[in-house]
Amino acid sequence: MAEHTLILLRHAKSDWSGQEGDHDRPLAKRGRRQAPEAGRWLAANVDSIDLAVVSTANRARSTWDLASDELDEPPRTRLDDDAYGASADDLLDMVRSLDEALNTVVLVGHNPGIEELAGALTAGRVPMPTSALAVIELNSTWDGAGRARGFLRAAGRPPTSAR
């Protein structure tokens, strides 16, 4: 059994039509539909989440707000400015610094860092389009993440309901 589970969630589709800076860009209409689907998938497939580490970018915060609204027991959320624009190495450092008492953590961020982190942890290619999830079981402490290959339990974008 895995010692820890890391769930990577790329933010939902953002809206490029406005004049906002990158950090402040909101979700597009499609993104506002996608994000709750990710939350429903988490509610159906993950027993519990101890912590969500979320980029401070508007689109990442909004993605997590909509996704976590679908959870019976939303976890504690930590907004982390370092997750915005972070490289895979930066994100790996964040993972390695997590409290060992945490069993399951969601990291909500951006490409290319999220996709590259998924690949580094699993030694495989893990495409992470908007709203995609990657559930990675680590057979190590958080501090040991990336030193042994993690098991990719699930990956992809949850299906969007026709509504």
C-alpha atoms as a PDB file:
ATOM      1  CA  MET A   1       0.000   0.000   0.000  1.00  0.00           C
ATOM      2  CA  ALA A   2       1.238   3.479  -0.851  1.00  0.00           C
ATOM      3  CA  GLU A   3       2.473   5.577   1.986  1.00  0.00           C
ATOM      4  CA  HIS A   4       1.227   8.816   0.410  1.00  0.00           C
ATOM      5  CA  THR A   5      -1.020   9.829  -2.471  1.00  0.00           C
ATOM      6  CA  LEU A   6      -0.407  12.978  -4.492  1.00  0.00           C
ATOM      7  CA  ILE A   7      -3.206  14.233  -6.715  1.00  0.00           C
ATOM      8  CA  LEU A   8      -2.189  16.724  -9.364  1.00  0.00           C
ATOM      9  CA  LEU A   9      -4.941  18.939 -10.776  1.00  0.00           C
ATOM     10  CA  ARG A  10      -4.282  21.342 -13.606  1.00  0.00           C
ATOM     11  CA  HIS A  11      -6.485  24.418 -13.503  1.00  0.00           C
ATOM     12  CA  ALA A  12      -9.588  24.450 -15.706  1.00  0.00           C
ATOM     13  CA  LYS A  13      -9.792  26.299 -19.035  1.00  0.00           C
ATOM     14  CA  SER A  14      -9.108  29.999 -18.568  1.00  0.00           C
ATOM     15  CA  ASP A  15     -10.581  32.985 -20.375  1.00  0.00           C
ATOM     16  CA  TRP A  16      -8.151  34.864 -22.602  1.00  0.00           C
ATOM     17  CA  SER A  17     -10.706  37.424 -23.867  1.00  0.00           C
ATOM     18  CA  GLY A  18     -10.147  40.078 -21.187  1.00  0.00           C
ATOM     19  CA  GLN A  19      -7.317  42.443 -20.417  1.00  0.00           C
ATOM     20  CA  GLU A  20      -6.321  40.778 -17.130  1.00  0.00           C
ATOM     21  CA  GLY A  21      -2.725  39.901 -16.448  1.00  0.00           C
ATOM     22  CA  ASP A  22      -1.847  36.209 -16.463  1.00  0.00           C
ATOM     23  CA  HIS A  23      -2.136  35.825 -12.676  1.00  0.00           C
ATOM     24  CA  ASP A  24      -5.635  37.359 -12.629  1.00  0.00           C
ATOM     25  CA  ARG A  25      -7.107  35.559 -15.647  1.00  0.00           C
ATOM     26  CA  PRO A  26     -10.526  34.029 -14.796  1.00  0.00           C
ATOM     27  CA  LEU A  27     -11.998  30.715 -15.868  1.00  0.00           C
ATOM     28  CA  ALA A  28     -13.742  30.475 -19.213  1.00  0.00           C
ATOM     29  CA  LYS A  29     -17.311  29.189 -19.415  1.00  0.00           C
ATOM     30  CA  ARG A  30     -15.912  25.751 -20.327  1.00  0.00           C
ATOM     31  CA  GLY A  31     -13.602  25.892 -17.314  1.00  0.00           C
ATOM     32  CA  ARG A  32     -16.521  26.644 -14.999  1.00  0.00           C
ATOM     33  CA  ARG A  33     -18.151  23.440 -16.325  1.00  0.00           C
ATOM     34  CA  GLN A  34     -14.936  21.364 -16.151  1.00  0.00           C
ATOM     35  CA  ALA A  35     -13.867  22.150 -12.594  1.00  0.00           C
ATOM     36  CA  PRO A  36     -16.946  20.705 -10.828  1.00  0.00           C
ATOM     37  CA  GLU A  37     -16.529  17.516 -12.892  1.00  0.00           C
ATOM     38  CA  ALA A  38     -13.023  17.141 -11.452  1.00  0.00           C
ATOM     39  CA  GLY A  39     -14.506  17.568  -7.974  1.00  0.00           C
ATOM     40  CA  ARG A  40     -17.207  14.969  -8.626  1.00  0.00           C
ATOM     41  CA  TRP A  41     -14.548  12.540  -9.847  1.00  0.00           C
ATOM     42  CA  LEU A  42     -12.514  13.124  -6.684  1.00  0.00           C
ATOM     43  CA  ALA A  43     -15.617  12.644  -4.514  1.00  0.00           C
ATOM     44  CA  ALA A  44     -16.362   9.316  -6.220  1.00  0.00           C
ATOM     45  CA  ASN A  45     -12.801   7.958  -6.368  1.00  0.00           C
ATOM     46  CA  VAL A  46     -10.750   9.325  -3.464  1.00  0.00           C
ATOM     47  CA  ASP A  47     -11.603   8.412   0.121  1.00  0.00           C
ATOM     48  CA  SER A  48     -10.311  11.571   1.756  1.00  0.00           C
ATOM     49  CA  ILE A  49      -7.975  14.458   1.092  1.00  0.00           C
ATOM     50  CA  ASP A  50      -5.944  15.984   3.908  1.00  0.00           C
ATOM     51  CA  LEU A  51      -4.723  19.169   2.222  1.00  0.00           C
ATOM     52  CA  ALA A  52      -5.025  21.114  -1.010  1.00  0.00           C
ATOM     53  CA  VAL A  53      -2.031  23.229  -2.033  1.00  0.00           C
ATOM     54  CA  VAL A  54      -3.324  25.732  -4.586  1.00  0.00           C
ATOM     55  CA  SER A  55      -1.564  28.266  -6.797  1.00  0.00           C
ATOM     56  CA  THR A  56      -2.604  31.833  -6.035  1.00  0.00           C
ATOM     57  CA  ALA A  57      -3.542  32.459  -9.685  1.00  0.00           C
ATOM     58  CA  ASN A  58      -7.232  33.284 -10.064  1.00  0.00           C
ATOM     59  CA  ARG A  59      -7.880  30.384 -12.462  1.00  0.00           C
ATOM     60  CA  ALA A  60      -6.280  27.844 -10.081  1.00  0.00           C
ATOM     61  CA  ARG A  61      -8.140  29.170  -7.010  1.00  0.00           C
ATOM     62  CA  SER A  62     -11.440  29.200  -8.934  1.00  0.00           C
ATOM     63  CA  THR A  63     -10.820  25.657 -10.191  1.00  0.00           C
ATOM     64  CA  TRP A  64     -10.272  24.402  -6.649  1.00  0.00           C
ATOM     65  CA  ASP A  65     -13.231  26.368  -5.252  1.00  0.00           C
ATOM     66  CA  LEU A  66     -15.570  24.757  -7.794  1.00  0.00           C
ATOM     67  CA  ALA A  67     -14.018  21.292  -7.464  1.00  0.00           C
ATOM     68  CA  SER A  68     -13.937  21.278  -3.661  1.00  0.00           C
ATOM     69  CA  ASP A  69     -17.603  22.348  -3.519  1.00  0.00           C
ATOM     70  CA  GLU A  70     -18.355  18.828  -4.834  1.00  0.00           C
ATOM     71  CA  LEU A  71     -16.574  17.083  -1.931  1.00  0.00           C
ATOM     72  CA  ASP A  72     -18.468  15.892   1.141  1.00  0.00           C
ATOM     73  CA  GLU A  73     -15.589  17.006   3.347  1.00  0.00           C
ATOM     74  CA  PRO A  74     -13.392  19.594   1.625  1.00  0.00           C
ATOM     75  CA  PRO A  75      -9.838  19.555   2.969  1.00  0.00           C
ATOM     76  CA  ARG A  76      -7.894  22.416   4.447  1.00  0.00           C
ATOM     77  CA  THR A  77      -6.601  24.624   1.621  1.00  0.00           C
ATOM     78  CA  ARG A  78      -3.246  26.365   1.514  1.00  0.00           C
ATOM     79  CA  LEU A  79      -2.760  29.028  -1.136  1.00  0.00           C
ATOM     80  CA  ASP A  80       0.852  29.019  -2.250  1.00  0.00           C
ATOM     81  CA  ASP A  81       2.291  31.755  -4.437  1.00  0.00           C
ATOM     82  CA  ASP A  82       5.289  29.522  -5.166  1.00  0.00           C
ATOM     83  CA  ALA A  83       3.002  27.127  -7.087  1.00  0.00           C
ATOM     84  CA  TYR A  84       2.265  29.848  -9.660  1.00  0.00           C
ATOM     85  CA  GLY A  85       4.639  29.415 -12.589  1.00  0.00           C
ATOM     86  CA  ALA A  86       6.597  26.733 -10.737  1.00  0.00           C
ATOM     87  CA  SER A  87       8.859  24.315 -12.557  1.00  0.00           C
ATOM     88  CA  ALA A  88       8.636  20.586 -11.954  1.00  0.00           C
ATOM     89  CA  ASP A  89      11.689  20.856  -9.681  1.00  0.00           C
ATOM     90  CA  ASP A  90      10.058  23.661  -7.679  1.00  0.00           C
ATOM     91  CA  LEU A  91       6.862  21.627  -7.325  1.00  0.00           C
ATOM     92  CA  LEU A  92       8.856  18.548  -6.300  1.00  0.00           C
ATOM     93  CA  ASP A  93      10.518  20.622  -3.574  1.00  0.00           C
ATOM     94  CA  MET A  94       7.032  21.636  -2.376  1.00  0.00           C
ATOM     95  CA  VAL A  95       5.940  17.989  -2.278  1.00  0.00           C
ATOM     96  CA  ARG A  96       9.091  16.950  -0.430  1.00  0.00           C
ATOM     97  CA  SER A  97       8.407  19.574   2.242  1.00  0.00           C
ATOM     98  CA  LEU A  98       4.890  18.306   3.054  1.00  0.00           C
ATOM     99  CA  ASP A  99       4.139  17.199   6.600  1.00  0.00           C
ATOM    100  CA  GLU A 100       4.497  13.417   6.885  1.00  0.00           C
ATOM    101  CA  ALA A 101       1.202  13.274   8.847  1.00  0.00           C
ATOM    102  CA  LEU A 102      -0.640  14.089   5.612  1.00  0.00           C
ATOM    103  CA  ASN A 103      -1.709  11.026   3.630  1.00  0.00           C
ATOM    104  CA  THR A 104      -3.381  12.508   0.550  1.00  0.00           C
ATOM    105  CA  VAL A 105      -2.620  15.926  -0.905  1.00  0.00           C
ATOM    106  CA  VAL A 106      -3.999  17.731  -3.958  1.00  0.00           C
ATOM    107  CA  LEU A 107      -1.688  20.135  -5.766  1.00  0.00           C
ATOM    108  CA  VAL A 108      -3.531  22.575  -8.057  1.00  0.00           C
ATOM    109  CA  GLY A 109      -1.286  24.290 -10.561  1.00  0.00           C
ATOM    110  CA  HIS A 110      -0.196  24.990 -14.095  1.00  0.00           C
ATOM    111  CA  ASN A 111       1.576  23.508 -17.078  1.00  0.00           C
ATOM    112  CA  PRO A 112       4.265  22.812 -17.942  1.00  0.00           C
ATOM    113  CA  GLY A 113       5.233  22.223 -14.292  1.00  0.00           C
ATOM    114  CA  ILE A 114       2.294  19.965 -13.352  1.00  0.00           C
ATOM    115  CA  GLU A 115       2.720  17.719 -16.408  1.00  0.00           C
ATOM    116  CA  GLU A 116       6.480  17.529 -15.971  1.00  0.00           C
ATOM    117  CA  LEU A 117       6.087  16.687 -12.270  1.00  0.00           C
ATOM    118  CA  ALA A 118       3.661  13.868 -13.121  1.00  0.00           C
ATOM    119  CA  GLY A 119       6.169  12.496 -15.610  1.00  0.00           C
ATOM    120  CA  ALA A 120       9.075  12.790 -13.196  1.00  0.00           C
ATOM    121  CA  LEU A 121       7.210  10.986 -10.414  1.00  0.00           C
ATOM    122  CA  THR A 122       5.949   8.145 -12.627  1.00  0.00           C
ATOM    123  CA  ALA A 123       8.797   7.865 -15.167  1.00  0.00           C
ATOM    124  CA  GLY A 124       6.248   8.165 -17.959  1.00  0.00           C
ATOM    125  CA  ARG A 125       4.431  10.724 -20.062  1.00  0.00           C
ATOM    126  CA  VAL A 126       1.271  11.992 -18.358  1.00  0.00           C
ATOM    127  CA  PRO A 127      -0.611  14.544 -20.509  1.00  0.00           C
ATOM    128  CA  MET A 128      -2.289  17.198 -18.339  1.00  0.00           C
ATOM    129  CA  PRO A 129      -4.750  19.261 -20.392  1.00  0.00           C
ATOM    130  CA  THR A 130      -6.920  21.753 -18.527  1.00  0.00           C
ATOM    131  CA  SER A 131      -8.881  20.141 -15.649  1.00  0.00           C
ATOM    132  CA  ALA A 132      -6.874  16.925 -15.880  1.00  0.00           C
ATOM    133  CA  LEU A 133      -6.112  14.926 -12.765  1.00  0.00           C
ATOM    134  CA  ALA A 134      -3.219  12.577 -12.054  1.00  0.00           C
ATOM    135  CA  VAL A 135      -3.449  10.374  -8.966  1.00  0.00           C
ATOM    136  CA  ILE A 136       0.017   9.165  -8.012  1.00  0.00           C
ATOM    137  CA  GLU A 137       0.737   6.704  -5.222  1.00  0.00           C
ATOM    138  CA  LEU A 138       4.158   7.258  -3.698  1.00  0.00           C
ATOM    139  CA  ASN A 139       5.811   4.305  -1.997  1.00  0.00           C
ATOM    140  CA  SER A 140       7.893   6.660   0.100  1.00  0.00           C
ATOM    141  CA  THR A 141       7.784   9.515   2.524  1.00  0.00           C
ATOM    142  CA  TRP A 142       6.943  12.917   1.078  1.00  0.00           C
ATOM    143  CA  ASP A 143      10.620  13.775   1.440  1.00  0.00           C
ATOM    144  CA  GLY A 144      11.469  10.749  -0.715  1.00  0.00           C
ATOM    145  CA  ALA A 145       9.116  11.708  -3.557  1.00  0.00           C
ATOM    146  CA  GLY A 146      10.748  11.238  -6.928  1.00  0.00           C
ATOM    147  CA  ARG A 147      13.534   9.021  -5.655  1.00  0.00           C
ATOM    148  CA  ALA A 148      11.496   5.897  -6.401  1.00  0.00           C
ATOM    149  CA  ARG A 149       8.955   5.521  -9.186  1.00  0.00           C
ATOM    150  CA  GLY A 150       5.400   6.374  -8.162  1.00  0.00           C
ATOM    151  CA  PHE A 151       2.391   4.410  -9.375  1.00  0.00           C
ATOM    152  CA  LEU A 152      -0.018   6.301 -11.635  1.00  0.00           C
ATOM    153  CA  ARG A 153      -3.406   5.120 -10.348  1.00  0.00           C
ATOM    154  CA  ALA A 154      -5.505   7.358 -12.605  1.00  0.00           C
ATOM    155  CA  ALA A 155      -4.968  10.173 -15.072  1.00  0.00           C
ATOM    156  CA  GLY A 156      -6.998  12.267 -17.462  1.00  0.00           C
ATOM    157  CA  ARG A 157      -9.806  14.713 -17.662  1.00  0.00           C
ATOM    158  CA  PRO A 158     -13.084  13.630 -16.060  1.00  0.00           C
ATOM    159  CA  PRO A 159     -15.948  13.396 -18.546  1.00  0.00           C
ATOM    160  CA  THR A 160     -18.167  16.443 -18.744  1.00  0.00           C
ATOM    161  CA  SER A 161     -21.830  15.754 -18.225  1.00  0.00           C
ATOM    162  CA  ALA A 162     -24.167  16.925 -20.955  1.00  0.00           C
ATOM    163  CA  ARG A 163     -26.161  19.729 -19.381  1.00  0.00           C
END
